[in-house]
Full PDB file with SEQRES, HELIX, SHEET, SSBOND, CRYST1, ORIGX, SCALE, CONECT and MASTER records, all heavy atoms in Angstrom:
SEQRES   1 A   33  ARG LEU ARG ARG ALA LEU TYR ALA LEU ALA ALA GLU TYR          
SEQRES   2 A   33  SER THR SER ALA ALA TRP SER ARG ILE ASP ALA ARG ASN          
SEQRES   3 A   33  LEU ASP GLN ALA GLN ARG HIS                                  
HELIX    1 AA1 LEU A    2  ASP A   23  1                                  22    
HELIX    2 AA2 LEU A   27  ARG A   32  1                                   6    
CRYST1    1.000    1.000    1.000  90.00  90.00  90.00 P 1           1          
ORIGX1      1.000000  0.000000  0.000000        0.00000                         
ORIGX2      0.000000  1.000000  0.000000        0.00000                         
ORIGX3      0.000000  0.000000  1.000000        0.00000                         
SCALE1      1.000000  0.000000  0.000000        0.00000                         
SCALE2      0.000000  1.000000  0.000000        0.00000                         
SCALE3      0.000000  0.000000  1.000000        0.00000                         
ATOM      1  N   ARG A   1     -19.696  -2.823  -8.169  1.00  0.00           N  
ATOM      2  CA  ARG A   1     -19.235  -1.455  -7.998  1.00  0.00           C  
ATOM      3  C   ARG A   1     -18.585  -1.260  -6.621  1.00  0.00           C  
ATOM      4  O   ARG A   1     -17.524  -0.655  -6.496  1.00  0.00           O  
ATOM      5  CB  ARG A   1     -20.413  -0.523  -8.162  1.00  0.00           C  
ATOM      6  CG  ARG A   1     -20.050   0.931  -8.132  1.00  0.00           C  
ATOM      7  CD  ARG A   1     -21.257   1.786  -8.483  1.00  0.00           C  
ATOM      8  NE  ARG A   1     -21.003   3.166  -8.237  1.00  0.00           N  
ATOM      9  CZ  ARG A   1     -21.900   4.069  -8.086  1.00  0.00           C  
ATOM     10  NH1 ARG A   1     -23.171   3.759  -8.140  1.00  0.00           N  
ATOM     11  NH2 ARG A   1     -21.580   5.328  -7.874  1.00  0.00           N  
ATOM     12  N   LEU A   2     -19.201  -1.824  -5.566  1.00  0.00           N  
ATOM     13  CA  LEU A   2     -18.639  -1.737  -4.229  1.00  0.00           C  
ATOM     14  C   LEU A   2     -17.336  -2.522  -4.135  1.00  0.00           C  
ATOM     15  O   LEU A   2     -16.366  -2.062  -3.551  1.00  0.00           O  
ATOM     16  CB  LEU A   2     -19.633  -2.243  -3.189  1.00  0.00           C  
ATOM     17  CG  LEU A   2     -19.135  -2.297  -1.756  1.00  0.00           C  
ATOM     18  CD1 LEU A   2     -18.727  -0.899  -1.278  1.00  0.00           C  
ATOM     19  CD2 LEU A   2     -20.177  -2.879  -0.842  1.00  0.00           C  
ATOM     20  N   ARG A   3     -17.301  -3.688  -4.743  1.00  0.00           N  
ATOM     21  CA  ARG A   3     -16.101  -4.515  -4.736  1.00  0.00           C  
ATOM     22  C   ARG A   3     -14.917  -3.744  -5.352  1.00  0.00           C  
ATOM     23  O   ARG A   3     -13.847  -3.700  -4.814  1.00  0.00           O  
ATOM     24  CB  ARG A   3     -16.352  -5.813  -5.493  1.00  0.00           C  
ATOM     25  CG  ARG A   3     -15.200  -6.802  -5.449  1.00  0.00           C  
ATOM     26  CD  ARG A   3     -15.463  -8.059  -6.294  1.00  0.00           C  
ATOM     27  NE  ARG A   3     -16.809  -8.570  -6.209  1.00  0.00           N  
ATOM     28  CZ  ARG A   3     -17.266  -9.430  -5.272  1.00  0.00           C  
ATOM     29  NH1 ARG A   3     -16.436  -9.852  -4.354  1.00  0.00           N  
ATOM     30  NH2 ARG A   3     -18.503  -9.852  -5.266  1.00  0.00           N  
ATOM     31  N   ARG A   4     -15.168  -3.115  -6.505  1.00  0.00           N  
ATOM     32  CA  ARG A   4     -14.098  -2.374  -7.172  1.00  0.00           C  
ATOM     33  C   ARG A   4     -13.651  -1.166  -6.332  1.00  0.00           C  
ATOM     34  O   ARG A   4     -12.478  -0.837  -6.290  1.00  0.00           O  
ATOM     35  CB  ARG A   4     -14.529  -1.942  -8.567  1.00  0.00           C  
ATOM     36  CG  ARG A   4     -14.464  -3.099  -9.531  1.00  0.00           C  
ATOM     37  CD  ARG A   4     -14.658  -2.669 -10.926  1.00  0.00           C  
ATOM     38  NE  ARG A   4     -16.051  -2.916 -11.285  1.00  0.00           N  
ATOM     39  CZ  ARG A   4     -16.666  -2.371 -12.325  1.00  0.00           C  
ATOM     40  NH1 ARG A   4     -16.059  -1.524 -13.092  1.00  0.00           N  
ATOM     41  NH2 ARG A   4     -17.906  -2.654 -12.559  1.00  0.00           N  
ATOM     42  N   ALA A   5     -14.627  -0.499  -5.686  1.00  0.00           N  
ATOM     43  CA  ALA A   5     -14.284   0.646  -4.845  1.00  0.00           C  
ATOM     44  C   ALA A   5     -13.404   0.214  -3.667  1.00  0.00           C  
ATOM     45  O   ALA A   5     -12.467   0.926  -3.296  1.00  0.00           O  
ATOM     46  CB  ALA A   5     -15.562   1.322  -4.340  1.00  0.00           C  
ATOM     47  N   LEU A   6     -13.710  -0.934  -3.086  1.00  0.00           N  
ATOM     48  CA  LEU A   6     -12.889  -1.424  -1.966  1.00  0.00           C  
ATOM     49  C   LEU A   6     -11.493  -1.804  -2.432  1.00  0.00           C  
ATOM     50  O   LEU A   6     -10.518  -1.545  -1.734  1.00  0.00           O  
ATOM     51  CB  LEU A   6     -13.593  -2.601  -1.296  1.00  0.00           C  
ATOM     52  CG  LEU A   6     -14.852  -2.222  -0.494  1.00  0.00           C  
ATOM     53  CD1 LEU A   6     -15.579  -3.468  -0.027  1.00  0.00           C  
ATOM     54  CD2 LEU A   6     -14.499  -1.325   0.677  1.00  0.00           C  
ATOM     55  N   TYR A   7     -11.401  -2.389  -3.620  1.00  0.00           N  
ATOM     56  CA  TYR A   7     -10.069  -2.717  -4.152  1.00  0.00           C  
ATOM     57  C   TYR A   7      -9.286  -1.427  -4.430  1.00  0.00           C  
ATOM     58  O   TYR A   7      -8.079  -1.363  -4.211  1.00  0.00           O  
ATOM     59  CB  TYR A   7     -10.173  -3.563  -5.415  1.00  0.00           C  
ATOM     60  CG  TYR A   7     -10.424  -5.017  -5.152  1.00  0.00           C  
ATOM     61  CD1 TYR A   7     -11.430  -5.693  -5.816  1.00  0.00           C  
ATOM     62  CD2 TYR A   7      -9.645  -5.747  -4.245  1.00  0.00           C  
ATOM     63  CE1 TYR A   7     -11.674  -7.048  -5.592  1.00  0.00           C  
ATOM     64  CE2 TYR A   7      -9.877  -7.090  -4.011  1.00  0.00           C  
ATOM     65  CZ  TYR A   7     -10.892  -7.733  -4.683  1.00  0.00           C  
ATOM     66  OH  TYR A   7     -11.120  -9.055  -4.449  1.00  0.00           O  
ATOM     67  N   ALA A   8      -9.952  -0.413  -4.944  1.00  0.00           N  
ATOM     68  CA  ALA A   8      -9.305   0.858  -5.219  1.00  0.00           C  
ATOM     69  C   ALA A   8      -8.772   1.471  -3.909  1.00  0.00           C  
ATOM     70  O   ALA A   8      -7.634   1.967  -3.871  1.00  0.00           O  
ATOM     71  CB  ALA A   8     -10.267   1.822  -5.904  1.00  0.00           C  
ATOM     72  N   LEU A   9      -9.570   1.423  -2.880  1.00  0.00           N  
ATOM     73  CA  LEU A   9      -9.163   1.914  -1.577  1.00  0.00           C  
ATOM     74  C   LEU A   9      -7.949   1.137  -1.038  1.00  0.00           C  
ATOM     75  O   LEU A   9      -6.988   1.715  -0.553  1.00  0.00           O  
ATOM     76  CB  LEU A   9     -10.324   1.846  -0.577  1.00  0.00           C  
ATOM     77  CG  LEU A   9     -10.080   2.409   0.806  1.00  0.00           C  
ATOM     78  CD1 LEU A   9      -9.781   3.887   0.746  1.00  0.00           C  
ATOM     79  CD2 LEU A   9     -11.305   2.123   1.668  1.00  0.00           C  
ATOM     80  N   ALA A  10      -8.001  -0.190  -1.188  1.00  0.00           N  
ATOM     81  CA  ALA A  10      -6.880  -1.016  -0.739  1.00  0.00           C  
ATOM     82  C   ALA A  10      -5.616  -0.695  -1.525  1.00  0.00           C  
ATOM     83  O   ALA A  10      -4.512  -0.658  -0.954  1.00  0.00           O  
ATOM     84  CB  ALA A  10      -7.242  -2.482  -0.875  1.00  0.00           C  
ATOM     85  N   ALA A  11      -5.760  -0.408  -2.814  1.00  0.00           N  
ATOM     86  CA  ALA A  11      -4.589  -0.051  -3.635  1.00  0.00           C  
ATOM     87  C   ALA A  11      -3.975   1.258  -3.155  1.00  0.00           C  
ATOM     88  O   ALA A  11      -2.756   1.375  -3.038  1.00  0.00           O  
ATOM     89  CB  ALA A  11      -5.002   0.070  -5.105  1.00  0.00           C  
ATOM     90  N   GLU A  12      -4.805   2.253  -2.875  1.00  0.00           N  
ATOM     91  CA  GLU A  12      -4.320   3.536  -2.400  1.00  0.00           C  
ATOM     92  C   GLU A  12      -3.602   3.387  -1.060  1.00  0.00           C  
ATOM     93  O   GLU A  12      -2.508   3.938  -0.865  1.00  0.00           O  
ATOM     94  CB  GLU A  12      -5.478   4.544  -2.236  1.00  0.00           C  
ATOM     95  CG  GLU A  12      -6.170   4.877  -3.538  1.00  0.00           C  
ATOM     96  CD  GLU A  12      -5.555   6.025  -4.292  1.00  0.00           C  
ATOM     97  OE1 GLU A  12      -4.443   6.485  -3.928  1.00  0.00           O  
ATOM     98  OE2 GLU A  12      -6.165   6.452  -5.272  1.00  0.00           O  
ATOM     99  N   TYR A  13      -4.203   2.651  -0.145  1.00  0.00           N  
ATOM    100  CA  TYR A  13      -3.592   2.477   1.171  1.00  0.00           C  
ATOM    101  C   TYR A  13      -2.301   1.650   1.101  1.00  0.00           C  
ATOM    102  O   TYR A  13      -1.322   1.923   1.800  1.00  0.00           O  
ATOM    103  CB  TYR A  13      -4.586   1.847   2.165  1.00  0.00           C  
ATOM    104  CG  TYR A  13      -5.456   2.871   2.822  1.00  0.00           C  
ATOM    105  CD1 TYR A  13      -6.764   3.036   2.399  1.00  0.00           C  
ATOM    106  CD2 TYR A  13      -4.975   3.697   3.815  1.00  0.00           C  
ATOM    107  CE1 TYR A  13      -7.590   4.000   2.992  1.00  0.00           C  
ATOM    108  CE2 TYR A  13      -5.774   4.659   4.389  1.00  0.00           C  
ATOM    109  CZ  TYR A  13      -7.084   4.810   3.976  1.00  0.00           C  
ATOM    110  OH  TYR A  13      -7.880   5.750   4.546  1.00  0.00           O  
ATOM    111  N   SER A  14      -2.279   0.638   0.251  1.00  0.00           N  
ATOM    112  CA  SER A  14      -1.054  -0.169   0.097  1.00  0.00           C  
ATOM    113  C   SER A  14       0.085   0.668  -0.468  1.00  0.00           C  
ATOM    114  O   SER A  14       1.230   0.522  -0.060  1.00  0.00           O  
ATOM    115  CB  SER A  14      -1.311  -1.356  -0.824  1.00  0.00           C  
ATOM    116  OG  SER A  14      -2.248  -2.237  -0.245  1.00  0.00           O  
ATOM    117  N   THR A  15      -0.239   1.551  -1.382  1.00  0.00           N  
ATOM    118  CA  THR A  15       0.778   2.436  -1.938  1.00  0.00           C  
ATOM    119  C   THR A  15       1.330   3.373  -0.862  1.00  0.00           C  
ATOM    120  O   THR A  15       2.543   3.556  -0.736  1.00  0.00           O  
ATOM    121  CB  THR A  15       0.207   3.269  -3.110  1.00  0.00           C  
ATOM    122  OG1 THR A  15      -0.273   2.368  -4.115  1.00  0.00           O  
ATOM    123  CG2 THR A  15       1.246   4.184  -3.720  1.00  0.00           C  
ATOM    124  N   SER A  16       0.428   3.938  -0.062  1.00  0.00           N  
ATOM    125  CA  SER A  16       0.859   4.802   1.051  1.00  0.00           C  
ATOM    126  C   SER A  16       1.719   4.030   2.041  1.00  0.00           C  
ATOM    127  O   SER A  16       2.725   4.534   2.549  1.00  0.00           O  
ATOM    128  CB  SER A  16      -0.348   5.411   1.754  1.00  0.00           C  
ATOM    129  OG  SER A  16      -1.037   6.273   0.870  1.00  0.00           O  
ATOM    130  N   ALA A  17       1.303   2.796   2.333  1.00  0.00           N  
ATOM    131  CA  ALA A  17       2.066   1.967   3.278  1.00  0.00           C  
ATOM    132  C   ALA A  17       3.449   1.667   2.723  1.00  0.00           C  
ATOM    133  O   ALA A  17       4.423   1.663   3.486  1.00  0.00           O  
ATOM    134  CB  ALA A  17       1.305   0.668   3.559  1.00  0.00           C  
ATOM    135  N   ALA A  18       3.538   1.458   1.427  1.00  0.00           N  
ATOM    136  CA  ALA A  18       4.860   1.198   0.816  1.00  0.00           C  
ATOM    137  C   ALA A  18       5.778   2.389   0.980  1.00  0.00           C  
ATOM    138  O   ALA A  18       6.948   2.251   1.376  1.00  0.00           O  
ATOM    139  CB  ALA A  18       4.688   0.862  -0.666  1.00  0.00           C  
ATOM    140  N   TRP A  19       5.264   3.596   0.705  1.00  0.00           N  
ATOM    141  CA  TRP A  19       6.095   4.791   0.882  1.00  0.00           C  
ATOM    142  C   TRP A  19       6.498   4.954   2.325  1.00  0.00           C  
ATOM    143  O   TRP A  19       7.635   5.352   2.626  1.00  0.00           O  
ATOM    144  CB  TRP A  19       5.354   6.031   0.368  1.00  0.00           C  
ATOM    145  CG  TRP A  19       5.365   6.135  -1.114  1.00  0.00           C  
ATOM    146  CD1 TRP A  19       4.308   5.980  -1.950  1.00  0.00           C  
ATOM    147  CD2 TRP A  19       6.490   6.408  -1.945  1.00  0.00           C  
ATOM    148  NE1 TRP A  19       4.709   6.130  -3.259  1.00  0.00           N  
ATOM    149  CE2 TRP A  19       6.031   6.396  -3.281  1.00  0.00           C  
ATOM    150  CE3 TRP A  19       7.833   6.649  -1.708  1.00  0.00           C  
ATOM    151  CZ2 TRP A  19       6.884   6.613  -4.353  1.00  0.00           C  
ATOM    152  CZ3 TRP A  19       8.694   6.877  -2.790  1.00  0.00           C  
ATOM    153  CH2 TRP A  19       8.210   6.859  -4.095  1.00  0.00           C  
ATOM    154  N   SER A  20       5.603   4.660   3.247  1.00  0.00           N  
ATOM    155  CA  SER A  20       5.913   4.765   4.665  1.00  0.00           C  
ATOM    156  C   SER A  20       7.059   3.792   5.035  1.00  0.00           C  
ATOM    157  O   SER A  20       7.978   4.148   5.766  1.00  0.00           O  
ATOM    158  CB  SER A  20       4.681   4.445   5.489  1.00  0.00           C  
ATOM    159  OG  SER A  20       4.984   4.360   6.857  1.00  0.00           O  
ATOM    160  N   ARG A  21       6.991   2.596   4.524  1.00  0.00           N  
ATOM    161  CA  ARG A  21       8.029   1.594   4.778  1.00  0.00           C  
ATOM    162  C   ARG A  21       9.341   1.993   4.128  1.00  0.00           C  
ATOM    163  O   ARG A  21      10.418   1.737   4.671  1.00  0.00           O  
ATOM    164  CB  ARG A  21       7.600   0.200   4.303  1.00  0.00           C  
ATOM    165  CG  ARG A  21       6.397  -0.369   5.032  1.00  0.00           C  
ATOM    166  CD  ARG A  21       6.653  -0.721   6.496  1.00  0.00           C  
ATOM    167  NE  ARG A  21       6.553   0.460   7.337  1.00  0.00           N  
ATOM    168  CZ  ARG A  21       7.204   0.656   8.482  1.00  0.00           C  
ATOM    169  NH1 ARG A  21       7.992  -0.236   8.975  1.00  0.00           N  
ATOM    170  NH2 ARG A  21       7.051   1.782   9.178  1.00  0.00           N  
ATOM    171  N   ILE A  22       9.280   2.606   2.942  1.00  0.00           N  
ATOM    172  CA  ILE A  22      10.519   3.094   2.304  1.00  0.00           C  
ATOM    173  C   ILE A  22      11.155   4.161   3.188  1.00  0.00           C  
ATOM    174  O   ILE A  22      12.360   4.148   3.432  1.00  0.00           O  
ATOM    175  CB  ILE A  22      10.223   3.634   0.897  1.00  0.00           C  
ATOM    176  CG1 ILE A  22       9.901   2.481  -0.051  1.00  0.00           C  
ATOM    177  CG2 ILE A  22      11.427   4.433   0.360  1.00  0.00           C  
ATOM    178  CD1 ILE A  22       9.370   2.936  -1.394  1.00  0.00           C  
ATOM    179  N   ASP A  23      10.333   5.103   3.671  1.00  0.00           N  
ATOM    180  CA  ASP A  23      10.846   6.156   4.558  1.00  0.00           C  
ATOM    181  C   ASP A  23      11.495   5.577   5.799  1.00  0.00           C  
ATOM    182  O   ASP A  23      12.472   6.113   6.303  1.00  0.00           O  
ATOM    183  CB  ASP A  23       9.751   7.127   4.940  1.00  0.00           C  
ATOM    184  CG  ASP A  23       9.338   8.045   3.805  1.00  0.00           C  
ATOM    185  OD1 ASP A  23      10.079   8.127   2.815  1.00  0.00           O  
ATOM    186  OD2 ASP A  23       8.246   8.632   3.891  1.00  0.00           O  
ATOM    187  N   ALA A  24      10.923   4.476   6.307  1.00  0.00           N  
ATOM    188  CA  ALA A  24      11.452   3.836   7.520  1.00  0.00           C  
ATOM    189  C   ALA A  24      12.598   2.866   7.218  1.00  0.00           C  
ATOM    190  O   ALA A  24      13.145   2.276   8.114  1.00  0.00           O  
ATOM    191  CB  ALA A  24      10.319   3.077   8.225  1.00  0.00           C  
ATOM    192  N   ARG A  25      12.927   2.789   5.931  1.00  0.00           N  
ATOM    193  CA  ARG A  25      14.002   1.890   5.446  1.00  0.00           C  
ATOM    194  C   ARG A  25      13.724   0.429   5.770  1.00  0.00           C  
ATOM    195  O   ARG A  25      14.633  -0.349   5.997  1.00  0.00           O  
ATOM    196  CB  ARG A  25      15.354   2.331   5.959  1.00  0.00           C  
ATOM    197  CG  ARG A  25      15.753   3.716   5.474  1.00  0.00           C  
ATOM    198  CD  ARG A  25      17.246   3.831   5.363  1.00  0.00           C  
ATOM    199  NE  ARG A  25      17.595   5.185   4.983  1.00  0.00           N  
ATOM    200  CZ  ARG A  25      17.938   5.523   3.750  1.00  0.00           C  
ATOM    201  NH1 ARG A  25      17.956   4.631   2.812  1.00  0.00           N  
ATOM    202  NH2 ARG A  25      18.285   6.752   3.479  1.00  0.00           N  
ATOM    203  N   ASN A  26      12.446   0.064   5.799  1.00  0.00           N  
ATOM    204  CA  ASN A  26      12.064  -1.333   5.950  1.00  0.00           C  
ATOM    205  C   ASN A  26      11.734  -1.818   4.535  1.00  0.00           C  
ATOM    206  O   ASN A  26      10.574  -1.877   4.131  1.00  0.00           O  
ATOM    207  CB  ASN A  26      10.850  -1.445   6.876  1.00  0.00           C  
ATOM    208  CG  ASN A  26      10.548  -2.881   7.231  1.00  0.00           C  
ATOM    209  OD1 ASN A  26      10.828  -3.766   6.446  1.00  0.00           O  
ATOM    210  ND2 ASN A  26       9.976  -3.076   8.404  1.00  0.00           N  
ATOM    211  N   LEU A  27      12.764  -2.135   3.802  1.00  0.00           N  
ATOM    212  CA  LEU A  27      12.662  -2.349   2.375  1.00  0.00           C  
ATOM    213  C   LEU A  27      11.901  -3.604   1.984  1.00  0.00           C  
ATOM    214  O   LEU A  27      11.197  -3.613   0.975  1.00  0.00           O  
ATOM    215  CB  LEU A  27      14.056  -2.324   1.751  1.00  0.00           C  
ATOM    216  CG  LEU A  27      14.897  -1.087   2.113  1.00  0.00           C  
ATOM    217  CD1 LEU A  27      16.237  -1.128   1.425  1.00  0.00           C  
ATOM    218  CD2 LEU A  27      14.155   0.192   1.805  1.00  0.00           C  
ATOM    219  N   ASP A  28      12.035  -4.660   2.760  1.00  0.00           N  
ATOM    220  CA  ASP A  28      11.318  -5.882   2.424  1.00  0.00           C  
ATOM    221  C   ASP A  28       9.799  -5.688   2.564  1.00  0.00           C  
ATOM    222  O   ASP A  28       9.031  -6.129   1.704  1.00  0.00           O  
ATOM    223  CB  ASP A  28      11.764  -7.054   3.286  1.00  0.00           C  
ATOM    224  CG  ASP A  28      13.207  -7.482   2.971  1.00  0.00           C  
ATOM    225  OD1 ASP A  28      13.657  -7.249   1.815  1.00  0.00           O  
ATOM    226  OD2 ASP A  28      13.881  -8.011   3.869  1.00  0.00           O  
ATOM    227  N   GLN A  29       9.384  -5.031   3.629  1.00  0.00           N  
ATOM    228  CA  GLN A  29       7.955  -4.749   3.808  1.00  0.00           C  
ATOM    229  C   GLN A  29       7.471  -3.791   2.737  1.00  0.00           C  
ATOM    230  O   GLN A  29       6.351  -3.931   2.232  1.00  0.00           O  
ATOM    231  CB  GLN A  29       7.669  -4.156   5.176  1.00  0.00           C  
ATOM    232  CG  GLN A  29       7.361  -5.185   6.209  1.00  0.00           C  
ATOM    233  CD  GLN A  29       6.835  -4.524   7.476  1.00  0.00           C  
ATOM    234  OE1 GLN A  29       7.133  -3.382   7.779  1.00  0.00           O  
ATOM    235  NE2 GLN A  29       6.078  -5.289   8.229  1.00  0.00           N  
ATOM    236  N   ALA A  30       8.270  -2.829   2.367  1.00  0.00           N  
ATOM    237  CA  ALA A  30       7.903  -1.897   1.299  1.00  0.00           C  
ATOM    238  C   ALA A  30       7.633  -2.655   0.003  1.00  0.00           C  
ATOM    239  O   ALA A  30       6.640  -2.389  -0.685  1.00  0.00           O  
ATOM    240  CB  ALA A  30       9.001  -0.853   1.088  1.00  0.00           C  
ATOM    241  N   GLN A  31       8.483  -3.593  -0.327  1.00  0.00           N  
ATOM    242  CA  GLN A  31       8.309  -4.378  -1.547  1.00  0.00           C  
ATOM    243  C   GLN A  31       7.001  -5.174  -1.501  1.00  0.00           C  
ATOM    244  O   GLN A  31       6.267  -5.234  -2.491  1.00  0.00           O  
ATOM    245  CB  GLN A  31       9.491  -5.325  -1.750  1.00  0.00           C  
ATOM    246  CG  GLN A  31       9.458  -6.064  -3.083  1.00  0.00           C  
ATOM    247  CD  GLN A  31       9.618  -5.104  -4.242  1.00  0.00           C  
ATOM    248  OE1 GLN A  31      10.581  -4.366  -4.328  1.00  0.00           O  
ATOM    249  NE2 GLN A  31       8.672  -5.104  -5.156  1.00  0.00           N  
ATOM    250  N   ARG A  32       6.678  -5.741  -0.347  1.00  0.00           N  
ATOM    251  CA  ARG A  32       5.417  -6.491  -0.218  1.00  0.00           C  
ATOM    252  C   ARG A  32       4.216  -5.566  -0.425  1.00  0.00           C  
ATOM    253  O   ARG A  32       3.240  -5.931  -1.106  1.00  0.00           O  
ATOM    254  CB  ARG A  32       5.340  -7.174   1.154  1.00  0.00           C  
ATOM    255  CG  ARG A  32       6.185  -8.435   1.223  1.00  0.00           C  
ATOM    256  CD  ARG A  32       5.867  -9.280   2.446  1.00  0.00           C  
ATOM    257  NE  ARG A  32       6.177  -8.639   3.704  1.00  0.00           N  
ATOM    258  CZ  ARG A  32       7.397  -8.611   4.260  1.00  0.00           C  
ATOM    259  NH1 ARG A  32       8.400  -9.202   3.662  1.00  0.00           N  
ATOM    260  NH2 ARG A  32       7.590  -8.002   5.415  1.00  0.00           N  
ATOM    261  N   HIS A  33       4.277  -4.368   0.129  1.00  0.00           N  
ATOM    262  CA  HIS A  33       3.172  -3.425  -0.048  1.00  0.00           C  
ATOM    263  C   HIS A  33       3.047  -2.993  -1.512  1.00  0.00           C  
ATOM    264  O   HIS A  33       1.936  -2.832  -2.020  1.00  0.00           O  
ATOM    265  CB  HIS A  33       3.348  -2.197   0.848  1.00  0.00           C  
ATOM    266  CG  HIS A  33       3.071  -2.465   2.289  1.00  0.00           C  
ATOM    267  ND1 HIS A  33       1.897  -2.959   2.763  1.00  0.00           N  
ATOM    268  CD2 HIS A  33       3.864  -2.277   3.389  1.00  0.00           C  
ATOM    269  CE1 HIS A  33       1.936  -3.075   4.062  1.00  0.00           C  
ATOM    270  NE2 HIS A  33       3.144  -2.671   4.477  1.00  0.00           N  
TER     271      HIS A  33                                                      
MASTER        0    0    0    2    0    0    0    6  270    1    0    3          
END                                                                             
């Protein structure tokens, strides 16, 4: 249960990081996120 919760948190943060990179026009990093 804890493992899945941590993965869910990582998914949420990675998605936010991708949008941040898109806004900054750092497209390669956005794709990795």
